[in-house]
């Protein structure tokens, strides 16, 4: 366990890609311990309708990585086009994000463990927005708790969702029923070093409105 205060844990749990240690095995017990903590998170109607698919077999990781890369290629092309329209620090920041994401796409199959949080149930085509927000809100607090638990133990992760463009392929490879919704994909590994720092963010006072949109 890292010696972190709660505030340090909350402000230094970063999206980790290039600093994932692809050579170090993550014990099954470590992931289970983090999941035991994660499922203490609140969930809609206390239904606890989450399921977690942890993938460590090379062939299965390769299938997931293939689906991810199939979605990443057109997405990254659009991102690079957008970068060309930016200037200065904003362009540099976006270029770093693209480079980091490209590294993850190239190495997804090498990550020690891939974790797919799922929700029991599928929404009908054309379901209203409130249904989607309710469905995902039932699992995402647990996803974040899982990431915090990983960070406290010297591991890292990042939330990705691109593979969902080809969720059917992943479901077939893993035997996930068509009555289950895949909510994300989290590559999990020990990190190369643990010296993560708070990210540069605009002050909350600049992006917080009171009693109405843009209310002072």
C-alpha atoms as a PDB file:
ATOM      1  CA  UNK A   1       0.000   0.000   0.000  1.00  0.00           C
ATOM      2  CA  UNK A   2       1.195   3.506  -0.797  1.00  0.00           C
ATOM      3  CA  UNK A   3       1.363   6.069   1.984  1.00  0.00           C
ATOM      4  CA  UNK A   4      -1.192   8.502   0.535  1.00  0.00           C
ATOM      5  CA  UNK A   5      -3.672  10.760   2.247  1.00  0.00           C
ATOM      6  CA  UNK A   6      -7.225  10.690   0.913  1.00  0.00           C
ATOM      7  CA  UNK A   7      -6.688  14.023  -0.845  1.00  0.00           C
ATOM      8  CA  UNK A   8      -3.485  12.752  -2.437  1.00  0.00           C
ATOM      9  CA  UNK A   9      -5.232   9.604  -3.609  1.00  0.00           C
ATOM     10  CA  UNK A  10      -8.060  11.597  -5.186  1.00  0.00           C
ATOM     11  CA  UNK A  11      -5.776  14.095  -6.909  1.00  0.00           C
ATOM     12  CA  UNK A  12      -3.107  11.701  -8.205  1.00  0.00           C
ATOM     13  CA  UNK A  13      -5.189   8.841  -9.599  1.00  0.00           C
ATOM     14  CA  UNK A  14      -4.424   9.508 -13.233  1.00  0.00           C
ATOM     15  CA  UNK A  15      -5.281   7.897 -16.555  1.00  0.00           C
ATOM     16  CA  UNK A  16      -2.175   5.723 -16.989  1.00  0.00           C
ATOM     17  CA  UNK A  17      -1.076   4.451 -20.385  1.00  0.00           C
ATOM     18  CA  UNK A  18       2.646   4.761 -21.155  1.00  0.00           C
ATOM     19  CA  UNK A  19       3.584   4.124 -17.529  1.00  0.00           C
ATOM     20  CA  UNK A  20       1.794   0.794 -17.309  1.00  0.00           C
ATOM     21  CA  UNK A  21       4.346  -1.914 -16.546  1.00  0.00           C
ATOM     22  CA  UNK A  22       3.714  -4.465 -19.282  1.00  0.00           C
ATOM     23  CA  UNK A  23       6.289  -6.922 -17.962  1.00  0.00           C
ATOM     24  CA  UNK A  24       5.085  -7.379 -14.374  1.00  0.00           C
ATOM     25  CA  UNK A  25       2.301  -9.844 -13.613  1.00  0.00           C
ATOM     26  CA  UNK A  26      -0.628  -8.606 -11.541  1.00  0.00           C
ATOM     27  CA  UNK A  27      -1.708 -11.257  -8.997  1.00  0.00           C
ATOM     28  CA  UNK A  28      -5.298 -12.394  -9.256  1.00  0.00           C
ATOM     29  CA  UNK A  29      -5.695 -11.777  -5.525  1.00  0.00           C
ATOM     30  CA  UNK A  30      -4.766  -8.112  -5.980  1.00  0.00           C
ATOM     31  CA  UNK A  31      -7.512  -7.538  -8.545  1.00  0.00           C
ATOM     32  CA  UNK A  32     -10.047  -9.385  -6.417  1.00  0.00           C
ATOM     33  CA  UNK A  33      -9.089  -7.283  -3.394  1.00  0.00           C
ATOM     34  CA  UNK A  34      -9.653  -4.074  -5.367  1.00  0.00           C
ATOM     35  CA  UNK A  35     -12.976  -5.348  -6.688  1.00  0.00           C
ATOM     36  CA  UNK A  36     -14.106  -6.205  -3.157  1.00  0.00           C
ATOM     37  CA  UNK A  37     -13.587  -2.539  -2.324  1.00  0.00           C
ATOM     38  CA  UNK A  38     -15.145  -1.298  -5.561  1.00  0.00           C
ATOM     39  CA  UNK A  39     -18.479  -3.023  -5.030  1.00  0.00           C
ATOM     40  CA  UNK A  40     -19.020  -1.059  -1.839  1.00  0.00           C
ATOM     41  CA  UNK A  41     -19.811   1.901  -4.105  1.00  0.00           C
ATOM     42  CA  UNK A  42     -23.406   3.117  -4.389  1.00  0.00           C
ATOM     43  CA  UNK A  43     -25.489   1.658  -7.197  1.00  0.00           C
ATOM     44  CA  UNK A  44     -28.910   2.493  -8.626  1.00  0.00           C
ATOM     45  CA  UNK A  45     -31.749   1.185  -6.430  1.00  0.00           C
ATOM     46  CA  UNK A  46     -29.021  -0.794  -4.648  1.00  0.00           C
ATOM     47  CA  UNK A  47     -29.566  -3.357  -7.396  1.00  0.00           C
ATOM     48  CA  UNK A  48     -25.855  -4.293  -7.547  1.00  0.00           C
ATOM     49  CA  UNK A  49     -26.387  -5.385 -11.122  1.00  0.00           C
ATOM     50  CA  UNK A  50     -22.737  -5.128 -12.001  1.00  0.00           C
ATOM     51  CA  UNK A  51     -20.540  -7.904 -13.275  1.00  0.00           C
ATOM     52  CA  UNK A  52     -16.776  -7.791 -13.843  1.00  0.00           C
ATOM     53  CA  UNK A  53     -14.980  -9.717 -16.563  1.00  0.00           C
ATOM     54  CA  UNK A  54     -11.239  -9.963 -15.882  1.00  0.00           C
ATOM     55  CA  UNK A  55      -9.182 -11.154 -18.829  1.00  0.00           C
ATOM     56  CA  UNK A  56      -5.614 -12.421 -18.474  1.00  0.00           C
ATOM     57  CA  UNK A  57      -5.407 -15.158 -21.147  1.00  0.00           C
ATOM     58  CA  UNK A  58      -3.215 -13.963 -24.060  1.00  0.00           C
ATOM     59  CA  UNK A  59      -5.564 -15.153 -26.804  1.00  0.00           C
ATOM     60  CA  UNK A  60      -8.543 -13.381 -25.253  1.00  0.00           C
ATOM     61  CA  UNK A  61      -6.563 -10.205 -24.635  1.00  0.00           C
ATOM     62  CA  UNK A  62      -5.548 -10.258 -28.288  1.00  0.00           C
ATOM     63  CA  UNK A  63      -9.191 -10.491 -29.378  1.00  0.00           C
ATOM     64  CA  UNK A  64     -10.094  -7.499 -27.229  1.00  0.00           C
ATOM     65  CA  UNK A  65      -7.061  -5.554 -28.467  1.00  0.00           C
ATOM     66  CA  UNK A  66      -8.019  -6.263 -32.084  1.00  0.00           C
ATOM     67  CA  UNK A  67     -11.521  -4.885 -31.516  1.00  0.00           C
ATOM     68  CA  UNK A  68     -10.093  -1.861 -29.732  1.00  0.00           C
ATOM     69  CA  UNK A  69      -7.626  -1.074 -32.514  1.00  0.00           C
ATOM     70  CA  UNK A  70     -10.320  -1.438 -35.136  1.00  0.00           C
ATOM     71  CA  UNK A  71     -12.197   1.395 -33.419  1.00  0.00           C
ATOM     72  CA  UNK A  72      -9.063   3.385 -32.568  1.00  0.00           C
ATOM     73  CA  UNK A  73      -7.768   3.820 -36.115  1.00  0.00           C
ATOM     74  CA  UNK A  74     -10.587   6.019 -37.495  1.00  0.00           C
ATOM     75  CA  UNK A  75     -11.000   7.755 -34.133  1.00  0.00           C
ATOM     76  CA  UNK A  76      -7.308   8.686 -33.948  1.00  0.00           C
ATOM     77  CA  UNK A  77      -7.320   9.950 -37.523  1.00  0.00           C
ATOM     78  CA  UNK A  78     -10.060  12.380 -36.596  1.00  0.00           C
ATOM     79  CA  UNK A  79      -8.147  13.389 -33.462  1.00  0.00           C
ATOM     80  CA  UNK A  80      -4.981  14.152 -35.428  1.00  0.00           C
ATOM     81  CA  UNK A  81      -7.017  16.249 -37.844  1.00  0.00           C
ATOM     82  CA  UNK A  82      -8.365  18.238 -34.909  1.00  0.00           C
ATOM     83  CA  UNK A  83      -4.849  18.761 -33.519  1.00  0.00           C
ATOM     84  CA  UNK A  84      -3.798  20.359 -36.796  1.00  0.00           C
ATOM     85  CA  UNK A  85      -6.360  23.080 -36.152  1.00  0.00           C
ATOM     86  CA  UNK A  86      -4.996  23.919 -32.697  1.00  0.00           C
ATOM     87  CA  UNK A  87      -2.021  26.038 -31.686  1.00  0.00           C
ATOM     88  CA  UNK A  88       0.407  26.454 -28.823  1.00  0.00           C
ATOM     89  CA  UNK A  89      -0.036  24.705 -25.498  1.00  0.00           C
ATOM     90  CA  UNK A  90      -3.449  23.333 -26.430  1.00  0.00           C
ATOM     91  CA  UNK A  91      -2.032  21.583 -29.490  1.00  0.00           C
ATOM     92  CA  UNK A  92       0.899  20.205 -27.491  1.00  0.00           C
ATOM     93  CA  UNK A  93      -1.403  18.840 -24.809  1.00  0.00           C
ATOM     94  CA  UNK A  94      -3.658  17.148 -27.341  1.00  0.00           C
ATOM     95  CA  UNK A  95      -0.665  15.680 -29.148  1.00  0.00           C
ATOM     96  CA  UNK A  96       0.560  14.145 -25.876  1.00  0.00           C
ATOM     97  CA  UNK A  97      -2.844  12.580 -25.303  1.00  0.00           C
ATOM     98  CA  UNK A  98      -2.901  11.116 -28.815  1.00  0.00           C
ATOM     99  CA  UNK A  99       0.636   9.749 -28.439  1.00  0.00           C
ATOM    100  CA  UNK A 100      -0.243   8.162 -25.105  1.00  0.00           C
ATOM    101  CA  UNK A 101      -3.446   6.688 -26.486  1.00  0.00           C
ATOM    102  CA  UNK A 102      -1.638   5.337 -29.543  1.00  0.00           C
ATOM    103  CA  UNK A 103       0.836   3.587 -27.254  1.00  0.00           C
ATOM    104  CA  UNK A 104      -2.027   1.944 -25.391  1.00  0.00           C
ATOM    105  CA  UNK A 105      -3.706   0.854 -28.631  1.00  0.00           C
ATOM    106  CA  UNK A 106      -0.437  -0.649 -29.870  1.00  0.00           C
ATOM    107  CA  UNK A 107       0.167  -2.513 -26.605  1.00  0.00           C
ATOM    108  CA  UNK A 108      -3.309  -3.360 -25.303  1.00  0.00           C
ATOM    109  CA  UNK A 109      -2.687  -7.084 -25.813  1.00  0.00           C
ATOM    110  CA  UNK A 110       0.421  -6.869 -23.592  1.00  0.00           C
ATOM    111  CA  UNK A 111      -1.311  -5.344 -20.566  1.00  0.00           C
ATOM    112  CA  UNK A 112      -1.339  -7.918 -17.732  1.00  0.00           C
ATOM    113  CA  UNK A 113      -5.080  -7.710 -17.108  1.00  0.00           C
ATOM    114  CA  UNK A 114      -8.033  -6.224 -18.955  1.00  0.00           C
ATOM    115  CA  UNK A 115     -11.124  -5.562 -16.851  1.00  0.00           C
ATOM    116  CA  UNK A 116     -14.553  -5.035 -18.412  1.00  0.00           C
ATOM    117  CA  UNK A 117     -17.218  -3.718 -16.022  1.00  0.00           C
ATOM    118  CA  UNK A 118     -20.672  -4.762 -17.160  1.00  0.00           C
ATOM    119  CA  UNK A 119     -24.272  -4.024 -16.201  1.00  0.00           C
ATOM    120  CA  UNK A 120     -27.014  -6.623 -16.284  1.00  0.00           C
ATOM    121  CA  UNK A 121     -29.614  -5.550 -18.824  1.00  0.00           C
ATOM    122  CA  UNK A 122     -29.694  -3.926 -22.241  1.00  0.00           C
ATOM    123  CA  UNK A 123     -31.598  -0.818 -23.251  1.00  0.00           C
ATOM    124  CA  UNK A 124     -33.800  -0.887 -26.337  1.00  0.00           C
ATOM    125  CA  UNK A 125     -32.677   0.911 -29.466  1.00  0.00           C
ATOM    126  CA  UNK A 126     -33.528   4.589 -29.242  1.00  0.00           C
ATOM    127  CA  UNK A 127     -33.810   4.514 -25.446  1.00  0.00           C
ATOM    128  CA  UNK A 128     -34.103   8.011 -23.944  1.00  0.00           C
ATOM    129  CA  UNK A 129     -31.127   9.741 -22.393  1.00  0.00           C
ATOM    130  CA  UNK A 130     -32.381   9.358 -18.831  1.00  0.00           C
ATOM    131  CA  UNK A 131     -32.349   5.591 -19.188  1.00  0.00           C
ATOM    132  CA  UNK A 132     -28.751   5.556 -20.392  1.00  0.00           C
ATOM    133  CA  UNK A 133     -27.546   7.842 -17.628  1.00  0.00           C
ATOM    134  CA  UNK A 134     -29.318   5.690 -15.048  1.00  0.00           C
ATOM    135  CA  UNK A 135     -27.834   2.487 -16.423  1.00  0.00           C
ATOM    136  CA  UNK A 136     -24.239   3.722 -16.473  1.00  0.00           C
ATOM    137  CA  UNK A 137     -24.566   5.561 -13.155  1.00  0.00           C
ATOM    138  CA  UNK A 138     -25.199   2.171 -11.577  1.00  0.00           C
ATOM    139  CA  UNK A 139     -21.664   0.980 -12.333  1.00  0.00           C
ATOM    140  CA  UNK A 140     -19.386   3.994 -12.817  1.00  0.00           C
ATOM    141  CA  UNK A 141     -19.035   4.859  -9.101  1.00  0.00           C
ATOM    142  CA  UNK A 142     -17.693   1.325  -8.629  1.00  0.00           C
ATOM    143  CA  UNK A 143     -15.365   1.741 -11.610  1.00  0.00           C
ATOM    144  CA  UNK A 144     -13.824   4.836 -10.030  1.00  0.00           C
ATOM    145  CA  UNK A 145     -13.552   3.110  -6.652  1.00  0.00           C
ATOM    146  CA  UNK A 146     -11.739   0.256  -8.398  1.00  0.00           C
ATOM    147  CA  UNK A 147      -9.280   2.710  -9.923  1.00  0.00           C
ATOM    148  CA  UNK A 148      -8.665   4.384  -6.572  1.00  0.00           C
ATOM    149  CA  UNK A 149      -8.042   1.005  -4.946  1.00  0.00           C
ATOM    150  CA  UNK A 150      -5.561   0.145  -7.698  1.00  0.00           C
ATOM    151  CA  UNK A 151      -3.712   3.436  -7.271  1.00  0.00           C
ATOM    152  CA  UNK A 152      -3.428   2.913  -3.505  1.00  0.00           C
ATOM    153  CA  UNK A 153      -1.629  -0.381  -4.229  1.00  0.00           C
ATOM    154  CA  UNK A 154       0.797   0.923  -6.834  1.00  0.00           C
ATOM    155  CA  UNK A 155      -1.240  -0.104  -9.874  1.00  0.00           C
ATOM    156  CA  UNK A 156      -2.704   2.030 -12.627  1.00  0.00           C
ATOM    157  CA  UNK A 157      -5.508   2.000 -15.151  1.00  0.00           C
ATOM    158  CA  UNK A 158      -7.479   4.183 -17.502  1.00  0.00           C
ATOM    159  CA  UNK A 159     -11.125   4.139 -18.549  1.00  0.00           C
ATOM    160  CA  UNK A 160     -11.545   3.347 -22.241  1.00  0.00           C
ATOM    161  CA  UNK A 161     -14.752   2.790 -24.182  1.00  0.00           C
ATOM    162  CA  UNK A 162     -13.728   2.543 -27.843  1.00  0.00           C
ATOM    163  CA  UNK A 163     -14.002  -1.242 -27.914  1.00  0.00           C
ATOM    164  CA  UNK A 164     -17.763  -0.857 -27.399  1.00  0.00           C
ATOM    165  CA  UNK A 165     -18.005   0.091 -31.076  1.00  0.00           C
ATOM    166  CA  UNK A 166     -17.298  -3.620 -31.602  1.00  0.00           C
ATOM    167  CA  UNK A 167     -18.820  -4.904 -28.361  1.00  0.00           C
ATOM    168  CA  UNK A 168     -20.467  -7.818 -30.157  1.00  0.00           C
ATOM    169  CA  UNK A 169     -17.075  -9.208 -31.170  1.00  0.00           C
ATOM    170  CA  UNK A 170     -15.771  -8.919 -27.620  1.00  0.00           C
ATOM    171  CA  UNK A 171     -18.953 -10.455 -26.242  1.00  0.00           C
ATOM    172  CA  UNK A 172     -18.583 -13.427 -28.576  1.00  0.00           C
ATOM    173  CA  UNK A 173     -14.948 -13.959 -27.581  1.00  0.00           C
ATOM    174  CA  UNK A 174     -15.758 -13.808 -23.860  1.00  0.00           C
ATOM    175  CA  UNK A 175     -19.187 -15.425 -23.869  1.00  0.00           C
ATOM    176  CA  UNK A 176     -20.915 -12.287 -22.577  1.00  0.00           C
ATOM    177  CA  UNK A 177     -24.706 -12.688 -23.038  1.00  0.00           C
ATOM    178  CA  UNK A 178     -26.539 -10.239 -25.281  1.00  0.00           C
ATOM    179  CA  UNK A 179     -28.608  -9.236 -22.247  1.00  0.00           C
ATOM    180  CA  UNK A 180     -25.541  -7.582 -20.667  1.00  0.00           C
ATOM    181  CA  UNK A 181     -24.128  -4.106 -21.353  1.00  0.00           C
ATOM    182  CA  UNK A 182     -20.375  -3.575 -21.440  1.00  0.00           C
ATOM    183  CA  UNK A 183     -19.708  -0.233 -19.740  1.00  0.00           C
ATOM    184  CA  UNK A 184     -15.958   0.228 -20.266  1.00  0.00           C
ATOM    185  CA  UNK A 185     -12.568  -1.427 -20.625  1.00  0.00           C
ATOM    186  CA  UNK A 186      -9.830  -0.882 -18.053  1.00  0.00           C
ATOM    187  CA  UNK A 187      -6.266  -2.010 -18.764  1.00  0.00           C
ATOM    188  CA  UNK A 188      -4.691  -2.812 -15.380  1.00  0.00           C
ATOM    189  CA  UNK A 189      -0.989  -3.062 -14.518  1.00  0.00           C
ATOM    190  CA  UNK A 190       1.548  -2.022 -11.957  1.00  0.00           C
ATOM    191  CA  UNK A 191       2.870   1.440 -12.772  1.00  0.00           C
ATOM    192  CA  UNK A 192       6.415   2.425 -13.596  1.00  0.00           C
ATOM    193  CA  UNK A 193       6.975   4.539 -10.530  1.00  0.00           C
ATOM    194  CA  UNK A 194       4.233   5.889  -8.287  1.00  0.00           C
ATOM    195  CA  UNK A 195       5.098   9.598  -8.351  1.00  0.00           C
ATOM    196  CA  UNK A 196       1.950  10.857 -10.047  1.00  0.00           C
ATOM    197  CA  UNK A 197       0.991  14.481  -9.499  1.00  0.00           C
ATOM    198  CA  UNK A 198      -2.243  16.461  -9.672  1.00  0.00           C
ATOM    199  CA  UNK A 199      -3.107  17.498 -13.217  1.00  0.00           C
ATOM    200  CA  UNK A 200      -3.411  21.095 -14.350  1.00  0.00           C
ATOM    201  CA  UNK A 201      -7.073  21.985 -14.087  1.00  0.00           C
ATOM    202  CA  UNK A 202      -9.077  25.195 -14.241  1.00  0.00           C
ATOM    203  CA  UNK A 203     -10.187  26.287 -10.765  1.00  0.00           C
ATOM    204  CA  UNK A 204     -13.559  24.841  -9.800  1.00  0.00           C
ATOM    205  CA  UNK A 205     -14.795  28.394  -9.210  1.00  0.00           C
ATOM    206  CA  UNK A 206     -14.429  29.091 -12.942  1.00  0.00           C
ATOM    207  CA  UNK A 207     -16.554  26.144 -14.034  1.00  0.00           C
ATOM    208  CA  UNK A 208     -19.160  26.046 -11.272  1.00  0.00           C
ATOM    209  CA  UNK A 209     -22.512  27.776 -11.615  1.00  0.00           C
ATOM    210  CA  UNK A 210     -24.934  28.511  -8.779  1.00  0.00           C
ATOM    211  CA  UNK A 211     -28.705  28.384  -9.104  1.00  0.00           C
ATOM    212  CA  UNK A 212     -28.705  28.249 -12.900  1.00  0.00           C
ATOM    213  CA  UNK A 213     -26.468  27.951 -15.968  1.00  0.00           C
ATOM    214  CA  UNK A 214     -23.624  30.476 -15.673  1.00  0.00           C
ATOM    215  CA  UNK A 215     -25.131  31.759 -12.443  1.00  0.00           C
ATOM    216  CA  UNK A 216     -22.531  33.634 -10.398  1.00  0.00           C
END
